[in-house]
Amino acid sequence: MKLVIAEKPSVAKSIANAIGAHKKTDAGFEGNGYIVSWCVGHLVCLAQPSAYSSQYDKWRIDDLPIVPEHYKYEVIKATKAQFNVLKALLARSDIDSVINACDAGREGESIFRLVYMKACCKKPMYRLWISSMEDSAIRKGFENLLPGSKYENLFAAARARSIADWLVGMNLSRLYSCKFRQVFSVGRVQTPTLALIAARDKAIKTFQKEKYYTVCIKSDVFSVVSERINDKAHAEQIATSIRAQKSCELDSVIHKEKITPPARLYDLTTLQREANKLYGFSAKKTLDALQALYEKKLTSYPRTDSRYLTNDMKDTVRTLLSALDPSFVPDEKNFSRMFDSSKVSDHYAVIPTLESASKDINTLDVSDIEKTIYALVKAKFLACASESLVEDITTLTLTFDGITFTQTAKQIRLAGWTKYAIKVKESTHALLEGDVSCDTLYPIREVLIEDKYTKPPAAFNENTLLHAMEIAGTDVLDKNVEVERKGIGTPATRASIIENLISKGFVVREKKALHVTGKGIALLCAVDSEFTSARLTAQWETKLSEIAQGTYSTEAFLEKLTQKLCAVIQKESAAT
């Protein structure tokens, strides 16, 4: 008999149905040589400092740093009953092996391993690794189980992450709470995220707007606008001189064809950002909806950081495209861009499942937000395999008194992928009213001077904060460009980081904007800058990734972190 342990009851039920374990029991499901049971999230966690010594019952700076030689784990009281169910199953003599069917990622690995370890189980362990909850994907996963030893590095990364969070939280929260005589909650990841928001708020508050001017020349065919002019008298002089001319001649008329291929498929972060931008959904709300869709077998695995599919999926994807839209004809060049196995680590991009294509989602037990998220995923999937957007771009230029005037006009020739995009932002570029050339004098109908002001940076919303977290550790936080992803947190944890900051009163959500509170500022003023740095945290996340890949050691990671903690504690203690 094989014991299968899933992360949630709903997932256990789907797995049981797929592998023929149909008999319901008090412990789960049984049949066809399997017993399928479940965790309810984390059942085991790192023990509190008091488990090491009663002296830690009170918070004192003199007791810091707390760095155990060997870390202890304890069963979480709220879910102890379910742990005992699994412990009893793991001890049964008729169970000859155990299959880890928790979510296929770092935290899923940790949830299972800690239960396995705390129950002192020594039975052979195997890993189910799937990216879809469809019955066919589950059965294929069971046909390709790997020994649990293949995922030791992944568990090492999960363990290093949890110990690092424990070390920072237990030591720095006590340090600053004692020093400032108020309760501070310091987190290895949440505090640098808070620092990002505070820095943006400060930039907005200290911003001083500057007035400038532009001159607009209007003819019956075009409207060209000058570059920025800082001096009003200069702008008025130029406008007066142009009016006196009564006509103008273009210096250049440049026609270009612009071809824009579709953006990549969604990973979790880009989907969260899009849902926030279009609908104002929080990152957590989008993740919860996507997780539900995954468990209902309608979309692929949600907690992915890849925007590509593997090369061996091409035939399956063609079938899926046809099932979603029988009239769909893929653009072969853009279709090929969807696949790159080298850019898929644990899970491929978020896409609809083949099972979802055979169902009318409006007839299913699916919430409105789940329908909205599914529509985004489906639209993106179809768009990515569609033709490119083709536009005719005309750029007009004229120069007067050393000032350049321009107008850019766009006209769509081929809508391509945009016909699938949801709420496509319409072009703000005005169309020309007729043909233009450089050798023609155009009567000037009107010359206007417009007062303008420089604008402060926008407050973070979850869309822009997720992007900043994703690329933290670089110098391009405000640029919408793709870079190597290091960042703060992982796609799976960023939503909970934001919600945690809000729930603890460090950040407030005002409509879509996120702002630091007085409590948050007080925390940042107290904490040493070493532990508020987004760059440092991004480096830590990179090291955790390297641990998972087997190219860096847990010991080295924790040793460097401990050294930094000790140095900060020593400095703060001396200043007390």
Protein backbone atom coordinates (compact mmCIF):
# COMPACT_ATOMS: atom_id res chain seq x y z
CA MET A 1 0.00 0.00 0.00
CA LYS A 2 1.27 3.47 -0.94
CA LEU A 3 0.44 6.59 1.07
CA VAL A 4 -0.10 9.78 -0.93
CA ILE A 5 0.01 13.08 0.98
CA ALA A 6 -1.44 16.16 -0.76
CA GLU A 7 -1.34 19.75 0.46
CA LYS A 8 -5.10 20.30 0.67
CA PRO A 9 -8.25 18.14 0.94
CA SER A 10 -9.55 19.34 -2.45
CA VAL A 11 -6.30 18.35 -4.17
CA ALA A 12 -6.30 14.99 -2.40
CA LYS A 13 -9.80 14.32 -3.71
CA SER A 14 -8.78 15.10 -7.31
CA ILE A 15 -5.72 12.87 -7.03
CA ALA A 16 -7.76 10.05 -5.48
CA ASN A 17 -10.29 10.18 -8.31
CA ALA A 18 -7.55 10.10 -10.94
CA ILE A 19 -5.74 7.08 -9.49
CA GLY A 20 -8.79 5.05 -8.51
CA ALA A 21 -8.81 5.57 -4.72
CA HIS A 22 -12.56 6.01 -4.50
CA LYS A 23 -13.38 4.66 -1.01
CA LYS A 24 -13.86 7.48 1.52
CA THR A 25 -12.39 6.80 4.96
CA ASP A 26 -11.85 8.84 8.12
CA ALA A 27 -8.21 9.38 7.08
CA GLY A 28 -8.85 10.21 3.41
CA PHE A 29 -9.44 8.04 0.35
CA GLU A 30 -8.44 4.45 -0.30
CA GLY A 31 -8.36 2.09 -3.27
CA ASN A 32 -6.27 0.61 -6.05
CA GLY A 33 -3.30 0.15 -3.73
CA TYR A 34 -3.29 3.76 -2.49
CA ILE A 35 -4.30 5.73 0.57
CA VAL A 36 -4.63 9.44 -0.19
CA SER A 37 -4.62 11.96 2.67
CA TRP A 38 -3.66 15.58 3.09
CA CYS A 39 -2.08 18.38 5.06
CA VAL A 40 -3.87 21.69 5.62
CA GLY A 41 -0.96 23.94 4.74
CA HIS A 42 1.95 23.84 7.17
CA LEU A 43 1.47 21.34 10.03
CA VAL A 44 4.98 21.70 11.46
CA CYS A 45 7.04 24.85 12.06
CA LEU A 46 10.25 25.97 13.72
CA ALA A 47 9.96 26.04 17.50
CA GLN A 48 9.86 29.27 19.47
CA PRO A 49 13.02 30.40 21.35
CA SER A 50 11.51 29.24 24.66
CA ALA A 51 11.80 25.65 23.39
CA TYR A 52 15.57 26.03 23.69
CA SER A 53 15.70 27.72 27.08
CA SER A 54 13.27 29.26 29.56
CA GLN A 55 15.46 32.38 29.63
CA TYR A 56 13.95 33.33 26.25
CA ASP A 57 10.46 33.60 27.76
CA LYS A 58 11.29 37.26 28.35
CA TRP A 59 12.64 39.56 25.68
CA ARG A 60 16.07 40.92 26.64
CA ILE A 61 18.79 42.43 24.51
CA ASP A 62 21.42 40.69 26.64
CA ASP A 63 20.14 37.29 25.44
CA LEU A 64 20.75 38.12 21.78
CA PRO A 65 21.67 36.77 19.32
CA ILE A 66 19.55 33.61 19.51
CA VAL A 67 21.25 31.21 17.08
CA PRO A 68 20.52 27.55 17.91
CA GLU A 69 23.14 24.96 17.11
CA HIS A 70 20.41 22.56 16.03
CA TYR A 71 16.94 23.82 15.09
CA LYS A 72 13.88 22.30 16.71
CA TYR A 73 10.48 21.86 15.10
CA GLU A 74 7.05 21.65 16.69
CA VAL A 75 3.58 20.64 15.57
CA ILE A 76 1.27 23.61 15.06
CA LYS A 77 -1.44 23.39 17.74
CA ALA A 78 -4.30 24.49 15.48
CA THR A 79 -3.73 21.59 13.07
CA LYS A 80 -2.34 18.99 15.45
CA ALA A 81 -5.26 16.62 14.82
CA GLN A 82 -4.45 16.39 11.11
CA PHE A 83 -0.77 15.85 11.86
CA ASN A 84 -1.72 12.95 14.11
CA VAL A 85 -3.80 11.44 11.30
CA LEU A 86 -0.78 11.53 8.97
CA LYS A 87 1.60 10.31 11.67
CA ALA A 88 -0.61 7.27 12.25
CA LEU A 89 -0.80 6.56 8.52
CA LEU A 90 2.97 6.88 8.13
CA ALA A 91 3.45 4.35 10.94
CA ARG A 92 1.08 1.74 9.53
CA SER A 93 2.79 -1.55 8.75
CA ASP A 94 0.93 -2.00 5.46
CA ILE A 95 2.29 1.30 4.10
CA ASP A 96 5.48 0.47 2.21
CA SER A 97 6.20 3.88 0.59
CA VAL A 98 5.13 7.52 0.73
CA ILE A 99 4.41 9.88 -2.17
CA ASN A 100 4.79 13.63 -1.68
CA ALA A 101 1.91 15.14 -3.66
CA CYS A 102 2.05 18.59 -2.06
CA ASP A 103 2.30 21.57 -4.41
CA ALA A 104 5.22 21.17 -6.76
CA GLY A 105 7.41 23.97 -5.44
CA ARG A 106 9.68 25.03 -2.59
CA GLU A 107 7.00 25.47 0.07
CA GLY A 108 5.11 22.34 -0.96
CA GLU A 109 8.33 20.41 -0.51
CA SER A 110 8.77 21.90 2.96
CA ILE A 111 5.18 21.17 4.06
CA PHE A 112 5.59 17.46 3.29
CA ARG A 113 9.18 17.02 4.48
CA LEU A 114 8.56 18.52 7.90
CA VAL A 115 5.63 16.15 8.50
CA TYR A 116 7.71 13.19 7.27
CA MET A 117 10.62 14.19 9.54
CA LYS A 118 8.53 15.02 12.63
CA ALA A 119 6.77 11.66 12.33
CA CYS A 120 10.23 10.01 12.25
CA CYS A 121 9.29 8.19 9.06
CA LYS A 122 12.03 6.22 7.27
CA LYS A 123 9.97 4.64 4.52
CA PRO A 124 10.90 5.16 0.85
CA MET A 125 9.77 8.57 -0.37
CA TYR A 126 8.75 9.58 -3.90
CA ARG A 127 7.76 12.86 -5.49
CA LEU A 128 4.73 13.68 -7.65
CA TRP A 129 5.59 16.74 -9.76
CA ILE A 130 2.79 18.04 -11.98
CA SER A 131 1.76 21.37 -13.52
CA SER A 132 -1.90 20.54 -14.08
CA MET A 133 -4.63 18.92 -11.99
CA GLU A 134 -6.23 17.26 -15.02
CA ASP A 135 -6.73 13.52 -14.55
CA SER A 136 -4.42 12.74 -17.45
CA ALA A 137 -1.65 14.92 -15.99
CA ILE A 138 -2.04 13.31 -12.55
CA ARG A 139 -1.88 9.78 -13.97
CA LYS A 140 1.13 10.67 -16.10
CA GLY A 141 2.78 12.13 -13.00
CA PHE A 142 2.26 8.85 -11.12
CA GLU A 143 3.83 7.00 -14.02
CA ASN A 144 6.93 9.21 -13.69
CA LEU A 145 7.48 9.44 -9.94
CA LEU A 146 11.03 10.30 -8.88
CA PRO A 147 12.81 9.38 -5.66
CA GLY A 148 12.46 12.04 -2.99
CA SER A 149 16.25 12.31 -2.91
CA LYS A 150 16.08 14.14 -6.23
CA TYR A 151 14.52 17.10 -4.38
CA GLU A 152 16.93 17.35 -1.44
CA ASN A 153 18.30 20.66 -2.74
CA LEU A 154 14.81 22.09 -3.07
CA PHE A 155 14.07 21.18 0.54
CA ALA A 156 17.43 22.61 1.58
CA ALA A 157 16.41 25.94 0.02
CA ALA A 158 13.03 25.81 1.79
CA ARG A 159 14.74 25.03 5.10
CA ALA A 160 17.29 27.83 4.60
CA ARG A 161 14.49 30.27 3.82
CA SER A 162 12.48 29.38 6.94
CA ILE A 163 15.53 29.48 9.24
CA ALA A 164 16.62 32.83 7.78
CA ASP A 165 13.17 34.27 8.41
CA TRP A 166 13.23 32.84 11.94
CA LEU A 167 16.67 34.29 12.70
CA VAL A 168 15.77 37.76 11.48
CA GLY A 169 12.30 37.78 13.00
CA MET A 170 13.25 36.44 16.41
CA ASN A 171 16.42 38.47 16.86
CA LEU A 172 15.60 41.83 15.30
CA SER A 173 12.00 41.96 16.52
CA ARG A 174 13.29 41.46 20.09
CA LEU A 175 16.21 43.83 19.61
CA TYR A 176 14.21 46.81 18.40
CA SER A 177 11.18 46.15 20.59
CA CYS A 178 13.42 46.21 23.68
CA LYS A 179 15.44 49.19 22.52
CA PHE A 180 12.45 51.39 21.65
CA ARG A 181 10.02 49.95 24.19
CA GLN A 182 7.30 49.15 21.68
CA VAL A 183 6.49 46.01 19.74
CA PHE A 184 8.24 45.86 16.37
CA SER A 185 7.83 43.03 13.88
CA VAL A 186 10.90 42.83 11.65
CA GLY A 187 10.94 40.50 8.66
CA ARG A 188 13.74 39.46 6.32
CA VAL A 189 11.49 40.13 3.32
CA GLN A 190 8.67 42.36 4.57
CA THR A 191 10.93 45.12 5.92
CA PRO A 192 12.76 45.77 2.61
CA THR A 193 9.38 45.75 0.84
CA LEU A 194 8.17 48.33 3.32
CA ALA A 195 11.30 50.36 2.59
CA LEU A 196 10.43 50.40 -1.13
CA ILE A 197 6.99 51.85 -0.38
CA ALA A 198 8.38 54.38 2.09
CA ALA A 199 11.02 55.55 -0.39
CA ARG A 200 8.36 56.11 -3.05
CA ASP A 201 6.14 58.01 -0.61
CA LYS A 202 9.10 60.19 0.37
CA ALA A 203 9.91 60.91 -3.28
CA ILE A 204 6.30 62.01 -3.82
CA LYS A 205 6.25 64.16 -0.68
CA THR A 206 9.54 65.92 -1.41
CA PHE A 207 8.86 66.37 -5.11
CA GLN A 208 8.86 69.97 -6.28
CA LYS A 209 7.02 70.49 -9.51
CA GLU A 210 8.55 72.61 -12.23
CA LYS A 211 6.57 74.61 -14.72
CA TYR A 212 7.44 74.46 -18.41
CA TYR A 213 5.80 75.31 -21.71
CA THR A 214 5.13 73.82 -25.11
CA VAL A 215 4.08 75.53 -28.32
CA CYS A 216 1.58 73.80 -30.60
CA ILE A 217 1.30 74.65 -34.32
CA LYS A 218 -1.99 73.60 -35.89
CA SER A 219 -2.68 73.39 -39.60
CA ASP A 220 -5.66 71.81 -41.35
CA VAL A 221 -3.63 68.60 -41.78
CA PHE A 222 -1.44 68.18 -38.72
CA SER A 223 -0.65 69.48 -35.24
CA VAL A 224 3.00 69.55 -34.21
CA VAL A 225 4.12 70.22 -30.63
CA SER A 226 7.42 71.65 -29.49
CA GLU A 227 9.89 70.10 -27.11
CA ARG A 228 9.98 71.42 -23.55
CA ILE A 229 10.63 75.19 -23.22
CA ASN A 230 11.52 76.31 -19.72
CA ASP A 231 11.21 80.08 -20.21
CA LYS A 232 7.73 81.55 -20.84
CA ALA A 233 9.08 84.65 -22.58
CA HIS A 234 10.99 82.43 -25.00
CA ALA A 235 7.83 80.38 -25.68
CA GLU A 236 5.82 83.56 -26.33
CA GLN A 237 8.55 84.92 -28.63
CA ILE A 238 8.51 81.70 -30.67
CA ALA A 239 4.72 81.67 -30.85
CA THR A 240 4.62 85.30 -32.01
CA SER A 241 7.23 84.68 -34.69
CA ILE A 242 5.39 81.59 -35.99
CA ARG A 243 2.06 83.45 -36.16
CA ALA A 244 3.76 86.15 -38.19
CA GLN A 245 4.90 83.57 -40.75
CA LYS A 246 1.30 82.41 -41.33
CA SER A 247 2.55 79.19 -42.97
CA CYS A 248 5.14 76.49 -42.27
CA GLU A 249 7.07 73.77 -44.05
CA LEU A 250 7.92 70.35 -42.65
CA ASP A 251 11.57 69.35 -42.36
CA SER A 252 10.90 65.63 -42.52
CA VAL A 253 8.08 63.14 -43.01
CA ILE A 254 9.11 59.62 -42.03
CA HIS A 255 6.87 56.63 -42.71
CA LYS A 256 7.64 53.40 -40.88
CA GLU A 257 6.00 50.07 -40.43
CA LYS A 258 5.93 48.96 -36.80
CA ILE A 259 5.48 45.27 -36.05
CA THR A 260 4.72 44.38 -32.43
CA PRO A 261 4.64 40.69 -31.52
CA PRO A 262 2.42 39.57 -28.65
CA ALA A 263 3.80 39.75 -25.12
CA ARG A 264 4.86 36.52 -23.45
CA LEU A 265 2.47 34.22 -21.63
CA TYR A 266 1.61 34.93 -18.02
CA ASP A 267 3.67 33.87 -15.08
CA LEU A 268 2.03 34.48 -11.70
CA THR A 269 3.51 37.95 -11.20
CA THR A 270 2.58 39.33 -14.62
CA LEU A 271 -0.95 37.98 -14.22
CA GLN A 272 -1.25 39.61 -10.79
CA ARG A 273 0.02 42.89 -12.20
CA GLU A 274 -2.39 42.79 -15.14
CA ALA A 275 -5.37 41.93 -12.94
CA ASN A 276 -4.50 44.81 -10.61
CA LYS A 277 -4.09 47.26 -13.49
CA LEU A 278 -7.34 46.26 -15.23
CA TYR A 279 -9.61 45.41 -12.32
CA GLY A 280 -7.90 46.60 -9.14
CA PHE A 281 -7.60 43.03 -7.82
CA SER A 282 -5.07 42.57 -5.04
CA ALA A 283 -2.20 40.18 -5.67
CA LYS A 284 -3.64 37.80 -3.07
CA LYS A 285 -7.10 37.87 -4.63
CA THR A 286 -5.64 36.95 -8.02
CA LEU A 287 -3.47 34.18 -6.55
CA ASP A 288 -6.42 32.72 -4.64
CA ALA A 289 -8.58 32.75 -7.77
CA LEU A 290 -5.85 31.16 -9.88
CA GLN A 291 -5.21 28.51 -7.21
CA ALA A 292 -8.92 27.69 -7.25
CA LEU A 293 -8.91 27.42 -11.04
CA TYR A 294 -5.94 25.08 -10.84
CA GLU A 295 -7.64 22.86 -8.30
CA LYS A 296 -10.76 22.82 -10.52
CA LYS A 297 -8.54 21.63 -13.41
CA LEU A 298 -9.18 24.76 -15.49
CA THR A 299 -5.68 26.28 -15.55
CA SER A 300 -2.11 25.09 -15.06
CA TYR A 301 -0.01 25.44 -11.91
CA PRO A 302 -0.26 29.01 -10.57
CA ARG A 303 2.99 29.62 -8.64
CA THR A 304 5.26 29.76 -11.65
CA ASP A 305 7.98 32.25 -12.56
CA SER A 306 8.21 31.19 -16.22
CA ARG A 307 6.51 32.80 -19.21
CA TYR A 308 7.37 29.97 -21.59
CA LEU A 309 6.24 26.44 -22.39
CA THR A 310 8.50 23.44 -22.88
CA ASN A 311 9.47 22.36 -26.38
CA ASP A 312 7.72 19.00 -26.05
CA MET A 313 4.32 20.71 -25.58
CA LYS A 314 3.90 21.94 -29.17
CA ASP A 315 1.43 19.27 -30.31
CA THR A 316 -0.59 19.59 -27.09
CA VAL A 317 -0.74 23.37 -27.46
CA ARG A 318 -1.97 23.11 -31.06
CA THR A 319 -4.74 20.82 -29.86
CA LEU A 320 -5.61 23.20 -27.04
CA LEU A 321 -5.74 26.24 -29.33
CA SER A 322 -8.12 24.43 -31.67
CA ALA A 323 -10.28 23.27 -28.77
CA LEU A 324 -10.57 26.81 -27.38
CA ASP A 325 -11.34 28.31 -30.80
CA PRO A 326 -12.01 25.88 -33.70
CA SER A 327 -11.45 28.67 -36.24
CA PHE A 328 -8.10 29.71 -34.76
CA VAL A 329 -5.13 29.66 -37.12
CA PRO A 330 -1.83 30.21 -35.30
CA ASP A 331 0.88 32.49 -36.60
CA GLU A 332 3.78 30.06 -36.87
CA LYS A 333 6.49 32.54 -35.92
CA ASN A 334 4.70 33.74 -32.78
CA PHE A 335 3.58 30.18 -31.99
CA SER A 336 7.23 29.10 -31.92
CA ARG A 337 8.14 32.00 -29.59
CA MET A 338 5.98 30.43 -26.87
CA PHE A 339 8.38 27.51 -26.37
CA ASP A 340 11.79 27.46 -24.70
CA SER A 341 12.58 24.62 -22.34
CA SER A 342 15.73 26.37 -21.13
CA LYS A 343 13.54 29.11 -19.58
CA VAL A 344 11.27 26.71 -17.70
CA SER A 345 12.64 25.57 -14.35
CA ASP A 346 9.94 23.96 -12.19
CA HIS A 347 6.73 24.91 -14.00
CA TYR A 348 5.74 26.34 -17.35
CA ALA A 349 3.63 29.47 -17.91
CA VAL A 350 0.02 29.82 -16.80
CA ILE A 351 -2.31 28.54 -19.53
CA PRO A 352 -5.82 27.04 -19.78
CA THR A 353 -6.15 23.26 -19.58
CA LEU A 354 -7.55 21.02 -22.27
CA GLU A 355 -10.29 20.06 -19.85
CA SER A 356 -11.38 23.70 -19.55
CA ALA A 357 -11.78 23.93 -23.32
CA SER A 358 -14.48 21.23 -23.25
CA LYS A 359 -16.59 23.07 -20.67
CA ASP A 360 -18.71 26.19 -20.51
CA ILE A 361 -17.19 28.04 -17.58
CA ASN A 362 -20.46 29.90 -17.01
CA THR A 363 -22.14 26.61 -16.04
CA LEU A 364 -19.46 25.60 -13.53
CA ASP A 365 -19.14 26.31 -9.81
CA VAL A 366 -16.77 29.19 -10.46
CA SER A 367 -16.84 32.61 -8.78
CA ASP A 368 -17.01 35.84 -10.77
CA ILE A 369 -13.39 36.68 -10.02
CA GLU A 370 -12.32 33.20 -11.10
CA LYS A 371 -14.17 33.70 -14.38
CA THR A 372 -12.40 37.04 -14.85
CA ILE A 373 -8.97 35.53 -14.19
CA TYR A 374 -9.70 32.58 -16.46
CA ALA A 375 -10.74 35.01 -19.22
CA LEU A 376 -7.40 36.82 -18.87
CA VAL A 377 -5.44 33.56 -19.04
CA LYS A 378 -7.39 32.32 -22.06
CA ALA A 379 -7.10 35.65 -23.89
CA LYS A 380 -3.35 35.82 -23.27
CA PHE A 381 -2.88 32.25 -24.49
CA LEU A 382 -4.73 32.89 -27.76
CA ALA A 383 -3.02 36.26 -28.22
CA CYS A 384 0.45 34.74 -27.87
CA ALA A 385 -0.12 32.41 -30.81
CA SER A 386 -1.77 35.10 -32.96
CA GLU A 387 -0.41 37.41 -35.65
CA SER A 388 1.66 40.44 -34.69
CA LEU A 389 0.15 43.91 -34.51
CA VAL A 390 1.14 45.90 -37.61
CA GLU A 391 0.93 49.70 -37.54
CA ASP A 392 1.82 52.45 -40.00
CA ILE A 393 3.74 55.16 -38.12
CA THR A 394 4.19 58.62 -39.56
CA THR A 395 6.52 61.06 -37.80
CA LEU A 396 6.47 64.73 -38.76
CA THR A 397 9.25 67.12 -37.79
CA LEU A 398 9.89 70.82 -38.24
CA THR A 399 12.39 73.13 -36.59
CA PHE A 400 11.93 76.78 -35.69
CA ASP A 401 14.47 78.95 -33.90
CA GLY A 402 16.36 75.86 -32.74
CA ILE A 403 13.22 74.26 -31.25
CA THR A 404 12.03 70.92 -32.64
CA PHE A 405 8.32 70.33 -33.24
CA THR A 406 6.96 66.82 -33.82
CA GLN A 407 3.82 64.78 -34.32
CA THR A 408 3.54 61.01 -34.45
CA ALA A 409 0.48 59.47 -36.07
CA LYS A 410 -0.43 55.79 -35.93
CA GLN A 411 -2.81 53.75 -38.01
CA ILE A 412 -3.46 50.06 -37.44
CA ARG A 413 -3.00 47.98 -40.57
CA LEU A 414 -3.38 44.53 -38.94
CA ALA A 415 -4.92 44.18 -35.48
CA GLY A 416 -3.28 40.79 -34.94
CA TRP A 417 -3.13 39.68 -31.29
CA THR A 418 -4.91 42.82 -30.03
CA LYS A 419 -8.28 41.37 -31.02
CA TYR A 420 -7.86 38.90 -28.17
CA ALA A 421 -6.46 41.37 -25.65
CA ILE A 422 -8.80 42.50 -22.87
CA LYS A 423 -9.26 46.28 -22.53
CA VAL A 424 -6.53 47.23 -24.94
CA LYS A 425 -5.42 50.79 -24.30
CA GLU A 426 -6.43 52.85 -27.27
CA SER A 427 -3.83 54.89 -29.10
CA THR A 428 -3.70 58.54 -28.15
CA HIS A 429 -1.88 59.50 -31.31
CA ALA A 430 -4.01 61.70 -33.55
CA LEU A 431 -4.52 60.71 -37.16
CA LEU A 432 -3.42 63.01 -39.97
CA GLU A 433 -6.18 64.78 -41.83
CA GLY A 434 -4.58 64.26 -45.22
CA ASP A 435 -1.36 63.57 -47.11
CA VAL A 436 1.76 65.44 -46.04
CA SER A 437 5.11 66.17 -47.69
CA CYS A 438 8.24 68.24 -47.05
CA ASP A 439 7.93 70.48 -50.10
CA THR A 440 4.55 72.01 -49.25
CA LEU A 441 3.70 75.21 -47.42
CA TYR A 442 0.88 74.61 -44.94
CA PRO A 443 -1.21 77.57 -43.74
CA ILE A 444 -1.05 77.94 -39.96
CA ARG A 445 -4.51 77.87 -38.48
CA GLU A 446 -3.60 78.36 -34.82
CA VAL A 447 -0.58 78.63 -32.50
CA LEU A 448 -1.10 77.78 -28.84
CA ILE A 449 1.10 77.98 -25.75
CA GLU A 450 0.38 75.29 -23.17
CA ASP A 451 1.42 75.52 -19.51
CA LYS A 452 2.66 72.20 -18.18
CA TYR A 453 4.19 70.85 -14.98
CA THR A 454 6.56 68.02 -14.23
CA LYS A 455 4.81 65.21 -12.36
CA PRO A 456 5.89 63.40 -9.21
CA PRO A 457 6.39 59.65 -9.33
CA ALA A 458 3.14 57.74 -8.92
CA ALA A 459 2.37 56.04 -5.63
CA PHE A 460 2.92 52.31 -5.67
CA ASN A 461 -0.08 50.16 -6.44
CA GLU A 462 0.13 46.38 -6.39
CA ASN A 463 0.93 46.27 -10.09
CA THR A 464 3.96 48.54 -9.81
CA LEU A 465 5.04 47.23 -6.38
CA LEU A 466 5.04 43.64 -7.63
CA HIS A 467 7.25 44.74 -10.51
CA ALA A 468 9.57 46.60 -8.13
CA MET A 469 9.79 43.52 -5.89
CA GLU A 470 10.41 41.33 -8.91
CA ILE A 471 13.40 43.34 -10.13
CA ALA A 472 14.69 44.63 -6.78
CA GLY A 473 18.46 44.56 -6.67
CA THR A 474 18.84 46.43 -9.94
CA ASP A 475 18.90 50.15 -10.64
CA VAL A 476 15.83 50.15 -12.87
CA LEU A 477 12.93 49.95 -10.43
CA ASP A 478 10.91 52.54 -12.32
CA LYS A 479 11.51 51.20 -15.81
CA ASN A 480 9.06 48.78 -17.33
CA VAL A 481 11.66 46.41 -18.69
CA GLU A 482 12.30 42.73 -18.27
CA VAL A 483 15.49 41.86 -16.41
CA GLU A 484 16.98 38.78 -14.83
CA ARG A 485 14.64 38.04 -11.96
CA LYS A 486 16.20 38.15 -8.54
CA GLY A 487 13.97 40.36 -6.51
CA ILE A 488 12.27 40.30 -3.12
CA GLY A 489 10.37 37.11 -2.37
CA THR A 490 9.08 34.68 -4.97
CA PRO A 491 5.99 34.74 -7.21
CA ALA A 492 4.30 32.54 -4.62
CA THR A 493 5.09 34.74 -1.60
CA ARG A 494 4.86 38.36 -2.82
CA ALA A 495 1.10 38.58 -2.37
CA SER A 496 1.31 37.42 1.25
CA ILE A 497 4.17 39.87 1.93
CA ILE A 498 1.98 42.79 0.83
CA GLU A 499 -1.04 41.53 2.80
CA ASN A 500 1.13 40.98 5.88
CA LEU A 501 2.38 44.58 5.79
CA ILE A 502 -1.20 45.81 5.56
CA SER A 503 -2.52 43.52 8.32
CA LYS A 504 0.24 44.64 10.69
CA GLY A 505 -0.56 48.29 10.09
CA PHE A 506 2.73 49.19 8.37
CA VAL A 507 1.03 49.92 5.04
CA VAL A 508 -2.42 51.18 4.15
CA ARG A 509 -4.28 50.54 0.90
CA GLU A 510 -6.10 53.67 -0.33
CA LYS A 511 -8.16 52.66 -3.33
CA LYS A 512 -5.42 51.11 -5.51
CA ALA A 513 -2.51 53.03 -3.97
CA LEU A 514 -0.25 51.68 -1.24
CA HIS A 515 1.21 54.07 1.35
CA VAL A 516 3.44 53.63 4.37
CA THR A 517 1.88 54.47 7.76
CA GLY A 518 3.42 56.24 10.73
CA LYS A 519 3.94 52.83 12.32
CA GLY A 520 5.78 51.69 9.20
CA ILE A 521 8.02 54.76 9.20
CA ALA A 522 8.80 54.21 12.88
CA LEU A 523 9.88 50.64 12.11
CA LEU A 524 12.13 51.73 9.25
CA CYS A 525 13.70 54.47 11.36
CA ALA A 526 14.51 51.90 14.03
CA VAL A 527 15.87 49.06 11.88
CA ASP A 528 19.46 49.12 10.68
CA SER A 529 19.66 49.91 6.98
CA GLU A 530 21.46 46.59 6.45
CA PHE A 531 18.09 44.87 6.88
CA THR A 532 15.93 47.33 4.97
CA SER A 533 17.92 47.07 1.75
CA ALA A 534 16.04 45.66 -1.23
CA ARG A 535 19.35 44.95 -2.90
CA LEU A 536 20.55 42.78 0.00
CA THR A 537 17.27 40.87 0.15
CA ALA A 538 17.40 40.29 -3.59
CA GLN A 539 20.86 38.83 -3.18
CA TRP A 540 19.54 36.50 -0.47
CA GLU A 541 16.74 35.30 -2.74
CA THR A 542 19.32 34.60 -5.45
CA LYS A 543 21.33 32.51 -2.98
CA LEU A 544 18.22 30.54 -2.06
CA SER A 545 17.70 29.82 -5.75
CA GLU A 546 21.31 28.65 -5.98
CA ILE A 547 20.78 26.35 -2.99
CA ALA A 548 17.81 24.81 -4.79
CA GLN A 549 20.04 24.26 -7.82
CA GLY A 550 22.77 22.69 -5.71
CA THR A 551 25.36 25.38 -6.45
CA TYR A 552 25.45 27.02 -3.01
CA SER A 553 25.27 25.67 0.53
CA THR A 554 22.72 26.30 3.25
CA GLU A 555 25.52 26.58 5.79
CA ALA A 556 27.28 29.37 3.90
CA PHE A 557 24.02 31.27 3.44
CA LEU A 558 23.05 31.06 7.10
CA GLU A 559 26.58 31.83 8.28
CA LYS A 560 26.68 35.10 6.32
CA LEU A 561 23.22 36.05 7.59
CA THR A 562 24.21 35.26 11.18
CA GLN A 563 27.34 37.40 10.89
CA LYS A 564 25.25 40.37 9.74
CA LEU A 565 22.79 39.85 12.58
CA CYS A 566 25.54 39.67 15.18
CA ALA A 567 27.16 42.84 13.87
CA VAL A 568 23.86 44.75 14.01
CA ILE A 569 23.01 43.46 17.49
CA GLN A 570 26.46 44.42 18.77
CA LYS A 571 26.19 47.92 17.29
CA GLU A 572 22.67 48.54 18.58
CA SER A 573 23.49 47.14 22.02
CA ALA A 574 26.47 49.46 22.35
CA ALA A 575 24.28 52.43 21.46
CA THR A 576 21.58 51.57 24.01
